[in-house]
Amino acid sequence: MTLVAASKKLSKFDPKTFLSTINGGRKIEAFPKKQTIFVQGDSSDAVFYIKEGKVKLTVVSQIGKEATIGILNKGDFFGEGCLTGQPLRLCSATA
């Protein structure tokens, strides 16, 4: 006799549904163009979702050189390192 596990239908993750149904722990905030959201070395304590606009991620080396490591668009999450226990931000984020 062979046992067969029932298959579950996987539903696609919808960030809009998720963000509209979670209780507390969220805040909607608008950042003007070129405003800093967080800086490399800040405490890593929040995840961000881009509702509209773009975010530039940059990192600064020990000798002071700055490099852009990513440009994020509407619908992207960033700052998720805090979910894995990362204590400090590894990059800076600018609107």
PDB file of N, CA and C in Angstrom:
ATOM      1  N   MET A   1       0.835  -1.179   0.000  1.00  0.00           N
ATOM      2  CA  MET A   1       0.000   0.000   0.000  1.00  0.00           C
ATOM      3  C   MET A   1       0.886   1.252   0.000  1.00  0.00           C
ATOM      4  N   THR A   2       0.610   2.198  -0.901  1.00  0.00           N
ATOM      5  CA  THR A   2       1.386   3.419  -1.010  1.00  0.00           C
ATOM      6  C   THR A   2       0.586   4.596  -0.475  1.00  0.00           C
ATOM      7  N   LEU A   3       1.202   5.366   0.407  1.00  0.00           N
ATOM      8  CA  LEU A   3       0.545   6.562   0.942  1.00  0.00           C
ATOM      9  C   LEU A   3       0.887   7.746   0.062  1.00  0.00           C
ATOM     10  N   VAL A   4      -0.110   8.524  -0.231  1.00  0.00           N
ATOM     11  CA  VAL A   4       0.089   9.707  -1.064  1.00  0.00           C
ATOM     12  C   VAL A   4      -0.349  10.924  -0.262  1.00  0.00           C
ATOM     13  N   ALA A   5       0.528  11.911  -0.173  1.00  0.00           N
ATOM     14  CA  ALA A   5       0.198  13.137   0.554  1.00  0.00           C
ATOM     15  C   ALA A   5      -0.701  14.006  -0.321  1.00  0.00           C
ATOM     16  N   ALA A   6      -1.670  14.632   0.316  1.00  0.00           N
ATOM     17  CA  ALA A   6      -2.556  15.543  -0.411  1.00  0.00           C
ATOM     18  C   ALA A   6      -1.762  16.773  -0.828  1.00  0.00           C
ATOM     19  N   SER A   7      -1.946  17.188  -2.056  1.00  0.00           N
ATOM     20  CA  SER A   7      -1.224  18.363  -2.529  1.00  0.00           C
ATOM     21  C   SER A   7      -1.991  19.627  -2.176  1.00  0.00           C
ATOM     22  N   LYS A   8      -1.257  20.650  -1.817  1.00  0.00           N
ATOM     23  CA  LYS A   8      -1.863  21.942  -1.503  1.00  0.00           C
ATOM     24  C   LYS A   8      -1.653  22.864  -2.687  1.00  0.00           C
ATOM     25  N   LYS A   9      -2.674  23.613  -2.993  1.00  0.00           N
ATOM     26  CA  LYS A   9      -2.561  24.579  -4.080  1.00  0.00           C
ATOM     27  C   LYS A   9      -1.814  25.803  -3.543  1.00  0.00           C
ATOM     28  N   LEU A  10      -0.707  26.147  -4.182  1.00  0.00           N
ATOM     29  CA  LEU A  10       0.064  27.299  -3.760  1.00  0.00           C
ATOM     30  C   LEU A  10      -0.542  28.557  -4.350  1.00  0.00           C
ATOM     31  N   SER A  11      -0.789  29.530  -3.492  1.00  0.00           N
ATOM     32  CA  SER A  11      -1.322  30.794  -3.994  1.00  0.00           C
ATOM     33  C   SER A  11      -0.171  31.785  -4.139  1.00  0.00           C
ATOM     34  N   LYS A  12      -0.285  32.661  -5.088  1.00  0.00           N
ATOM     35  CA  LYS A  12       0.736  33.657  -5.348  1.00  0.00           C
ATOM     36  C   LYS A  12       0.703  34.713  -4.242  1.00  0.00           C
ATOM     37  N   PHE A  13       1.875  35.132  -3.779  1.00  0.00           N
ATOM     38  CA  PHE A  13       1.969  36.153  -2.741  1.00  0.00           C
ATOM     39  C   PHE A  13       1.556  37.496  -3.308  1.00  0.00           C
ATOM     40  N   ASP A  14       0.619  38.148  -2.643  1.00  0.00           N
ATOM     41  CA  ASP A  14       0.157  39.471  -3.057  1.00  0.00           C
ATOM     42  C   ASP A  14       0.508  40.471  -1.958  1.00  0.00           C
ATOM     43  N   PRO A  15       1.520  41.325  -2.171  1.00  0.00           N
ATOM     44  CA  PRO A  15       1.934  42.253  -1.118  1.00  0.00           C
ATOM     45  C   PRO A  15       0.831  43.227  -0.713  1.00  0.00           C
ATOM     46  N   LYS A  16      -0.013  43.635  -1.642  1.00  0.00           N
ATOM     47  CA  LYS A  16      -1.091  44.577  -1.301  1.00  0.00           C
ATOM     48  C   LYS A  16      -2.061  43.941  -0.306  1.00  0.00           C
ATOM     49  N   THR A  17      -2.411  42.679  -0.532  1.00  0.00           N
ATOM     50  CA  THR A  17      -3.300  41.975   0.397  1.00  0.00           C
ATOM     51  C   THR A  17      -2.619  41.808   1.744  1.00  0.00           C
ATOM     52  N   PHE A  18      -1.361  41.397   1.730  1.00  0.00           N
ATOM     53  CA  PHE A  18      -0.611  41.213   2.970  1.00  0.00           C
ATOM     54  C   PHE A  18      -0.541  42.502   3.780  1.00  0.00           C
ATOM     55  N   LEU A  19      -0.165  43.601   3.128  1.00  0.00           N
ATOM     56  CA  LEU A  19       0.000  44.867   3.834  1.00  0.00           C
ATOM     57  C   LEU A  19      -1.316  45.457   4.314  1.00  0.00           C
ATOM     58  N   SER A  20      -2.425  45.113   3.666  1.00  0.00           N
ATOM     59  CA  SER A  20      -3.715  45.645   4.096  1.00  0.00           C
ATOM     60  C   SER A  20      -4.365  44.807   5.194  1.00  0.00           C
ATOM     61  N   THR A  21      -3.848  43.599   5.445  1.00  0.00           N
ATOM     62  CA  THR A  21      -4.475  42.735   6.440  1.00  0.00           C
ATOM     63  C   THR A  21      -3.675  42.547   7.718  1.00  0.00           C
ATOM     64  N   ILE A  22      -2.408  42.915   7.748  1.00  0.00           N
ATOM     65  CA  ILE A  22      -1.635  42.745   8.978  1.00  0.00           C
ATOM     66  C   ILE A  22      -2.076  43.789  10.000  1.00  0.00           C
ATOM     67  N   ASN A  23      -2.099  43.392  11.251  1.00  0.00           N
ATOM     68  CA  ASN A  23      -2.499  44.300  12.328  1.00  0.00           C
ATOM     69  C   ASN A  23      -1.276  44.954  12.944  1.00  0.00           C
ATOM     70  N   GLY A  24      -1.282  46.267  12.978  1.00  0.00           N
ATOM     71  CA  GLY A  24      -0.190  47.002  13.608  1.00  0.00           C
ATOM     72  C   GLY A  24       1.154  46.745  12.957  1.00  0.00           C
ATOM     73  N   GLY A  25       2.175  47.383  13.481  1.00  0.00           N
ATOM     74  CA  GLY A  25       3.524  47.155  13.007  1.00  0.00           C
ATOM     75  C   GLY A  25       3.811  47.701  11.631  1.00  0.00           C
ATOM     76  N   ARG A  26       2.933  48.513  11.095  1.00  0.00           N
ATOM     77  CA  ARG A  26       3.202  49.089   9.773  1.00  0.00           C
ATOM     78  C   ARG A  26       2.924  50.579   9.814  1.00  0.00           C
ATOM     79  N   LYS A  27       3.623  51.279   8.957  1.00  0.00           N
ATOM     80  CA  LYS A  27       3.455  52.722   8.879  1.00  0.00           C
ATOM     81  C   LYS A  27       3.685  53.123   7.427  1.00  0.00           C
ATOM     82  N   ILE A  28       2.800  53.924   6.889  1.00  0.00           N
ATOM     83  CA  ILE A  28       2.965  54.430   5.531  1.00  0.00           C
ATOM     84  C   ILE A  28       3.634  55.792   5.634  1.00  0.00           C
ATOM     85  N   GLU A  29       4.746  55.933   4.924  1.00  0.00           N
ATOM     86  CA  GLU A  29       5.509  57.165   4.989  1.00  0.00           C
ATOM     87  C   GLU A  29       5.993  57.531   3.596  1.00  0.00           C
ATOM     88  N   ALA A  30       5.891  58.805   3.254  1.00  0.00           N
ATOM     89  CA  ALA A  30       6.362  59.289   1.958  1.00  0.00           C
ATOM     90  C   ALA A  30       7.730  59.941   2.145  1.00  0.00           C
ATOM     91  N   PHE A  31       8.652  59.639   1.247  1.00  0.00           N
ATOM     92  CA  PHE A  31       9.987  60.226   1.284  1.00  0.00           C
ATOM     93  C   PHE A  31      10.174  61.064   0.028  1.00  0.00           C
ATOM     94  N   PRO A  32      10.520  62.350   0.183  1.00  0.00           N
ATOM     95  CA  PRO A  32      10.794  63.173  -0.995  1.00  0.00           C
ATOM     96  C   PRO A  32      12.025  62.673  -1.743  1.00  0.00           C
ATOM     97  N   LYS A  33      12.121  63.067  -2.994  1.00  0.00           N
ATOM     98  CA  LYS A  33      13.256  62.677  -3.828  1.00  0.00           C
ATOM     99  C   LYS A  33      14.571  63.062  -3.144  1.00  0.00           C
ATOM    100  N   LYS A  34      15.537  62.149  -3.173  1.00  0.00           N
ATOM    101  CA  LYS A  34      16.884  62.305  -2.617  1.00  0.00           C
ATOM    102  C   LYS A  34      16.932  62.324  -1.094  1.00  0.00           C
ATOM    103  N   GLN A  35      15.826  61.987  -0.412  1.00  0.00           N
ATOM    104  CA  GLN A  35      15.852  61.912   1.047  1.00  0.00           C
ATOM    105  C   GLN A  35      16.376  60.545   1.471  1.00  0.00           C
ATOM    106  N   THR A  36      17.211  60.535   2.498  1.00  0.00           N
ATOM    107  CA  THR A  36      17.766  59.298   3.031  1.00  0.00           C
ATOM    108  C   THR A  36      16.704  58.550   3.828  1.00  0.00           C
ATOM    109  N   ILE A  37      16.568  57.265   3.558  1.00  0.00           N
ATOM    110  CA  ILE A  37      15.627  56.411   4.283  1.00  0.00           C
ATOM    111  C   ILE A  37      16.345  55.762   5.461  1.00  0.00           C
ATOM    112  N   PHE A  38      17.510  55.179   5.205  1.00  0.00           N
ATOM    113  CA  PHE A  38      18.394  54.702   6.267  1.00  0.00           C
ATOM    114  C   PHE A  38      19.823  54.730   5.760  1.00  0.00           C
ATOM    115  N   VAL A  39      20.773  54.686   6.710  1.00  0.00           N
ATOM    116  CA  VAL A  39      22.197  54.814   6.396  1.00  0.00           C
ATOM    117  C   VAL A  39      22.922  53.530   6.776  1.00  0.00           C
ATOM    118  N   GLN A  40      23.936  53.190   6.009  1.00  0.00           N
ATOM    119  CA  GLN A  40      24.789  52.036   6.298  1.00  0.00           C
ATOM    120  C   GLN A  40      25.274  52.128   7.747  1.00  0.00           C
ATOM    121  N   GLY A  41      25.055  51.055   8.506  1.00  0.00           N
ATOM    122  CA  GLY A  41      25.468  51.027   9.910  1.00  0.00           C
ATOM    123  C   GLY A  41      24.334  51.302  10.887  1.00  0.00           C
ATOM    124  N   ASP A  42      23.187  51.806  10.390  1.00  0.00           N
ATOM    125  CA  ASP A  42      22.012  52.007  11.253  1.00  0.00           C
ATOM    126  C   ASP A  42      21.507  50.669  11.759  1.00  0.00           C
ATOM    127  N   SER A  43      20.723  50.712  12.824  1.00  0.00           N
ATOM    128  CA  SER A  43      20.093  49.508  13.350  1.00  0.00           C
ATOM    129  C   SER A  43      19.129  48.944  12.310  1.00  0.00           C
ATOM    130  N   SER A  44      19.186  47.653  12.104  1.00  0.00           N
ATOM    131  CA  SER A  44      18.330  46.982  11.117  1.00  0.00           C
ATOM    132  C   SER A  44      17.080  46.483  11.828  1.00  0.00           C
ATOM    133  N   ASP A  45      16.004  47.275  11.751  1.00  0.00           N
ATOM    134  CA  ASP A  45      14.820  46.959  12.532  1.00  0.00           C
ATOM    135  C   ASP A  45      13.505  47.048  11.766  1.00  0.00           C
ATOM    136  N   ALA A  46      13.548  47.201  10.446  1.00  0.00           N
ATOM    137  CA  ALA A  46      12.313  47.329   9.677  1.00  0.00           C
ATOM    138  C   ALA A  46      12.516  46.871   8.238  1.00  0.00           C
ATOM    139  N   VAL A  47      11.447  46.397   7.638  1.00  0.00           N
ATOM    140  CA  VAL A  47      11.411  46.035   6.218  1.00  0.00           C
ATOM    141  C   VAL A  47      10.562  47.088   5.521  1.00  0.00           C
ATOM    142  N   PHE A  48      10.959  47.476   4.327  1.00  0.00           N
ATOM    143  CA  PHE A  48      10.257  48.513   3.583  1.00  0.00           C
ATOM    144  C   PHE A  48       9.689  47.940   2.290  1.00  0.00           C
ATOM    145  N   TYR A  49       8.564  48.520   1.846  1.00  0.00           N
ATOM    146  CA  TYR A  49       7.908  48.155   0.589  1.00  0.00           C
ATOM    147  C   TYR A  49       7.716  49.435  -0.212  1.00  0.00           C
ATOM    148  N   ILE A  50       8.066  49.407  -1.479  1.00  0.00           N
ATOM    149  CA  ILE A  50       7.948  50.596  -2.323  1.00  0.00           C
ATOM    150  C   ILE A  50       6.576  50.608  -2.983  1.00  0.00           C
ATOM    151  N   LYS A  51       5.744  51.529  -2.541  1.00  0.00           N
ATOM    152  CA  LYS A  51       4.393  51.660  -3.088  1.00  0.00           C
ATOM    153  C   LYS A  51       4.421  52.426  -4.415  1.00  0.00           C
ATOM    154  N   GLU A  52       5.283  53.437  -4.474  1.00  0.00           N
ATOM    155  CA  GLU A  52       5.500  54.169  -5.725  1.00  0.00           C
ATOM    156  C   GLU A  52       6.862  54.836  -5.675  1.00  0.00           C
ATOM    157  N   GLY A  53       7.451  55.075  -6.831  1.00  0.00           N
ATOM    158  CA  GLY A  53       8.763  55.695  -6.905  1.00  0.00           C
ATOM    159  C   GLY A  53       9.888  54.674  -6.994  1.00  0.00           C
ATOM    160  N   LYS A  54      11.101  55.147  -6.690  1.00  0.00           N
ATOM    161  CA  LYS A  54      12.304  54.309  -6.771  1.00  0.00           C
ATOM    162  C   LYS A  54      13.166  54.546  -5.541  1.00  0.00           C
ATOM    163  N   VAL A  55      14.008  53.573  -5.233  1.00  0.00           N
ATOM    164  CA  VAL A  55      14.960  53.673  -4.124  1.00  0.00           C
ATOM    165  C   VAL A  55      16.321  53.229  -4.625  1.00  0.00           C
ATOM    166  N   LYS A  56      17.348  54.011  -4.293  1.00  0.00           N
ATOM    167  CA  LYS A  56      18.726  53.673  -4.670  1.00  0.00           C
ATOM    168  C   LYS A  56      19.441  53.126  -3.438  1.00  0.00           C
ATOM    169  N   LEU A  57      20.080  51.969  -3.601  1.00  0.00           N
ATOM    170  CA  LEU A  57      20.870  51.357  -2.534  1.00  0.00           C
ATOM    171  C   LEU A  57      22.343  51.577  -2.833  1.00  0.00           C
ATOM    172  N   THR A  58      23.073  52.115  -1.860  1.00  0.00           N
ATOM    173  CA  THR A  58      24.495  52.378  -2.039  1.00  0.00           C
ATOM    174  C   THR A  58      25.279  51.830  -0.851  1.00  0.00           C
ATOM    175  N   VAL A  59      26.553  51.591  -1.081  1.00  0.00           N
ATOM    176  CA  VAL A  59      27.457  51.128  -0.028  1.00  0.00           C
ATOM    177  C   VAL A  59      28.728  51.956  -0.123  1.00  0.00           C
ATOM    178  N   VAL A  60      29.327  52.246   1.050  1.00  0.00           N
ATOM    179  CA  VAL A  60      30.567  53.014   1.100  1.00  0.00           C
ATOM    180  C   VAL A  60      31.668  52.113   1.645  1.00  0.00           C
ATOM    181  N   SER A  61      32.801  52.060   0.932  1.00  0.00           N
ATOM    182  CA  SER A  61      33.929  51.216   1.361  1.00  0.00           C
ATOM    183  C   SER A  61      34.667  51.882   2.520  1.00  0.00           C
ATOM    184  N   GLN A  62      35.603  51.156   3.103  1.00  0.00           N
ATOM    185  CA  GLN A  62      36.390  51.684   4.218  1.00  0.00           C
ATOM    186  C   GLN A  62      37.253  52.865   3.812  1.00  0.00           C
ATOM    187  N   ILE A  63      37.589  52.955   2.527  1.00  0.00           N
ATOM    188  CA  ILE A  63      38.401  54.092   2.075  1.00  0.00           C
ATOM    189  C   ILE A  63      37.545  55.238   1.541  1.00  0.00           C
ATOM    190  N   GLY A  64      36.229  55.111   1.666  1.00  0.00           N
ATOM    191  CA  GLY A  64      35.343  56.212   1.323  1.00  0.00           C
ATOM    192  C   GLY A  64      34.733  56.201  -0.062  1.00  0.00           C
ATOM    193  N   LYS A  65      34.992  55.167  -0.854  1.00  0.00           N
ATOM    194  CA  LYS A  65      34.392  55.107  -2.194  1.00  0.00           C
ATOM    195  C   LYS A  65      32.966  54.605  -2.095  1.00  0.00           C
ATOM    196  N   GLU A  66      32.062  55.292  -2.804  1.00  0.00           N
ATOM    197  CA  GLU A  66      30.647  54.911  -2.797  1.00  0.00           C
ATOM    198  C   GLU A  66      30.292  54.178  -4.090  1.00  0.00           C
ATOM    199  N   ALA A  67      29.500  53.112  -3.954  1.00  0.00           N
ATOM    200  CA  ALA A  67      29.054  52.345  -5.124  1.00  0.00           C
ATOM    201  C   ALA A  67      27.558  52.106  -5.021  1.00  0.00           C
ATOM    202  N   THR A  68      26.871  52.246  -6.147  1.00  0.00           N
ATOM    203  CA  THR A  68      25.444  51.918  -6.206  1.00  0.00           C
ATOM    204  C   THR A  68      25.328  50.418  -6.412  1.00  0.00           C
ATOM    205  N   ILE A  69      24.586  49.762  -5.522  1.00  0.00           N
ATOM    206  CA  ILE A  69      24.431  48.310  -5.635  1.00  0.00           C
ATOM    207  C   ILE A  69      23.060  47.908  -6.152  1.00  0.00           C
ATOM    208  N   GLY A  70      22.154  48.880  -6.240  1.00  0.00           N
ATOM    209  CA  GLY A  70      20.846  48.541  -6.780  1.00  0.00           C
ATOM    210  C   GLY A  70      19.926  49.736  -6.874  1.00  0.00           C
ATOM    211  N   ILE A  71      19.015  49.649  -7.843  1.00  0.00           N
ATOM    212  CA  ILE A  71      17.929  50.610  -7.985  1.00  0.00           C
ATOM    213  C   ILE A  71      16.650  49.790  -7.912  1.00  0.00           C
ATOM    214  N   LEU A  72      15.825  50.076  -6.926  1.00  0.00           N
ATOM    215  CA  LEU A  72      14.591  49.327  -6.724  1.00  0.00           C
ATOM    216  C   LEU A  72      13.396  50.132  -7.208  1.00  0.00           C
ATOM    217  N   ASN A  73      12.366  49.435  -7.643  1.00  0.00           N
ATOM    218  CA  ASN A  73      11.182  50.067  -8.215  1.00  0.00           C
ATOM    219  C   ASN A  73       9.926  49.732  -7.414  1.00  0.00           C
ATOM    220  N   LYS A  74       8.838  50.325  -7.836  1.00  0.00           N
ATOM    221  CA  LYS A  74       7.518  50.073  -7.246  1.00  0.00           C
ATOM    222  C   LYS A  74       7.280  48.559  -7.135  1.00  0.00           C
ATOM    223  N   GLY A  75       6.822  48.132  -5.951  1.00  0.00           N
ATOM    224  CA  GLY A  75       6.526  46.728  -5.737  1.00  0.00           C
ATOM    225  C   GLY A  75       7.655  45.922  -5.127  1.00  0.00           C
ATOM    226  N   ASP A  76       8.812  46.543  -4.927  1.00  0.00           N
ATOM    227  CA  ASP A  76       9.968  45.839  -4.344  1.00  0.00           C
ATOM    228  C   ASP A  76      10.004  46.018  -2.826  1.00  0.00           C
ATOM    229  N   PHE A  77      10.542  45.017  -2.145  1.00  0.00           N
ATOM    230  CA  PHE A  77      10.829  45.099  -0.719  1.00  0.00           C
ATOM    231  C   PHE A  77      12.321  45.347  -0.554  1.00  0.00           C
ATOM    232  N   PHE A  78      12.710  46.017   0.543  1.00  0.00           N
ATOM    233  CA  PHE A  78      14.119  46.161   0.871  1.00  0.00           C
ATOM    234  C   PHE A  78      14.278  46.296   2.383  1.00  0.00           C
ATOM    235  N   GLY A  79      15.488  46.083   2.864  1.00  0.00           N
ATOM    236  CA  GLY A  79      15.749  46.122   4.296  1.00  0.00           C
ATOM    237  C   GLY A  79      15.416  44.814   4.982  1.00  0.00           C
ATOM    238  N   GLU A  80      15.252  43.748   4.197  1.00  0.00           N
ATOM    239  CA  GLU A  80      14.819  42.460   4.746  1.00  0.00           C
ATOM    240  C   GLU A  80      15.904  41.730   5.525  1.00  0.00           C
ATOM    241  N   GLY A  81      17.095  42.276   5.600  1.00  0.00           N
ATOM    242  CA  GLY A  81      18.165  41.650   6.376  1.00  0.00           C
ATOM    243  C   GLY A  81      17.807  41.482   7.842  1.00  0.00           C
ATOM    244  N   CYS A  82      16.946  42.368   8.347  1.00  0.00           N
ATOM    245  CA  CYS A  82      16.544  42.264   9.759  1.00  0.00           C
ATOM    246  C   CYS A  82      15.764  40.979  10.026  1.00  0.00           C
ATOM    247  N   LEU A  83      15.160  40.400   9.003  1.00  0.00           N
ATOM    248  CA  LEU A  83      14.403  39.161   9.177  1.00  0.00           C
ATOM    249  C   LEU A  83      15.322  37.962   9.413  1.00  0.00           C
ATOM    250  N   THR A  84      16.587  38.091   9.024  1.00  0.00           N
ATOM    251  CA  THR A  84      17.552  37.003   9.209  1.00  0.00           C
ATOM    252  C   THR A  84      18.476  37.248  10.394  1.00  0.00           C
ATOM    253  N   GLY A  85      18.162  38.274  11.186  1.00  0.00           N
ATOM    254  CA  GLY A  85      18.964  38.563  12.366  1.00  0.00           C
ATOM    255  C   GLY A  85      20.115  39.512  12.128  1.00  0.00           C
ATOM    256  N   GLN A  86      20.157  40.138  10.986  1.00  0.00           N
ATOM    257  CA  GLN A  86      21.212  41.108  10.670  1.00  0.00           C
ATOM    258  C   GLN A  86      21.034  42.329  11.595  1.00  0.00           C
ATOM    259  N   PRO A  87      21.986  42.636  12.468  1.00  0.00           N
ATOM    260  CA  PRO A  87      21.781  43.712  13.445  1.00  0.00           C
ATOM    261  C   PRO A  87      21.934  45.128  12.867  1.00  0.00           C
ATOM    262  N   LEU A  88      22.766  45.277  11.835  1.00  0.00           N
ATOM    263  CA  LEU A  88      23.029  46.609  11.263  1.00  0.00           C
ATOM    264  C   LEU A  88      22.782  46.602   9.759  1.00  0.00           C
ATOM    265  N   ARG A  89      22.422  47.767   9.213  1.00  0.00           N
ATOM    266  CA  ARG A  89      22.226  47.915   7.761  1.00  0.00           C
ATOM    267  C   ARG A  89      23.570  47.804   7.056  1.00  0.00           C
ATOM    268  N   LEU A  90      23.602  47.057   5.972  1.00  0.00           N
ATOM    269  CA  LEU A  90      24.840  46.876   5.212  1.00  0.00           C
ATOM    270  C   LEU A  90      24.972  47.877   4.080  1.00  0.00           C
ATOM    271  N   CYS A  91      23.913  48.666   3.846  1.00  0.00           N
ATOM    272  CA  CYS A  91      23.951  49.674   2.784  1.00  0.00           C
ATOM    273  C   CYS A  91      23.090  50.852   3.209  1.00  0.00           C
ATOM    274  N   SER A  92      23.093  51.894   2.387  1.00  0.00           N
ATOM    275  CA  SER A  92      22.232  53.055   2.593  1.00  0.00           C
ATOM    276  C   SER A  92      21.136  53.031   1.552  1.00  0.00           C
ATOM    277  N   ALA A  93      19.972  53.589   1.900  1.00  0.00           N
ATOM    278  CA  ALA A  93      18.835  53.658   0.976  1.00  0.00           C
ATOM    279  C   ALA A  93      18.382  55.112   0.856  1.00  0.00           C
ATOM    280  N   THR A  94      18.209  55.556  -0.401  1.00  0.00           N
ATOM    281  CA  THR A  94      17.800  56.931  -0.690  1.00  0.00           C
ATOM    282  C   THR A  94      16.632  56.910  -1.666  1.00  0.00           C
ATOM    283  N   ALA A  95      15.619  57.740  -1.380  1.00  0.00           N
ATOM    284  CA  ALA A  95      14.455  57.817  -2.272  1.00  0.00           C
ATOM    285  C   ALA A  95      14.844  58.472  -3.585  1.00  0.00           C
TER     286      ALA A  95
END
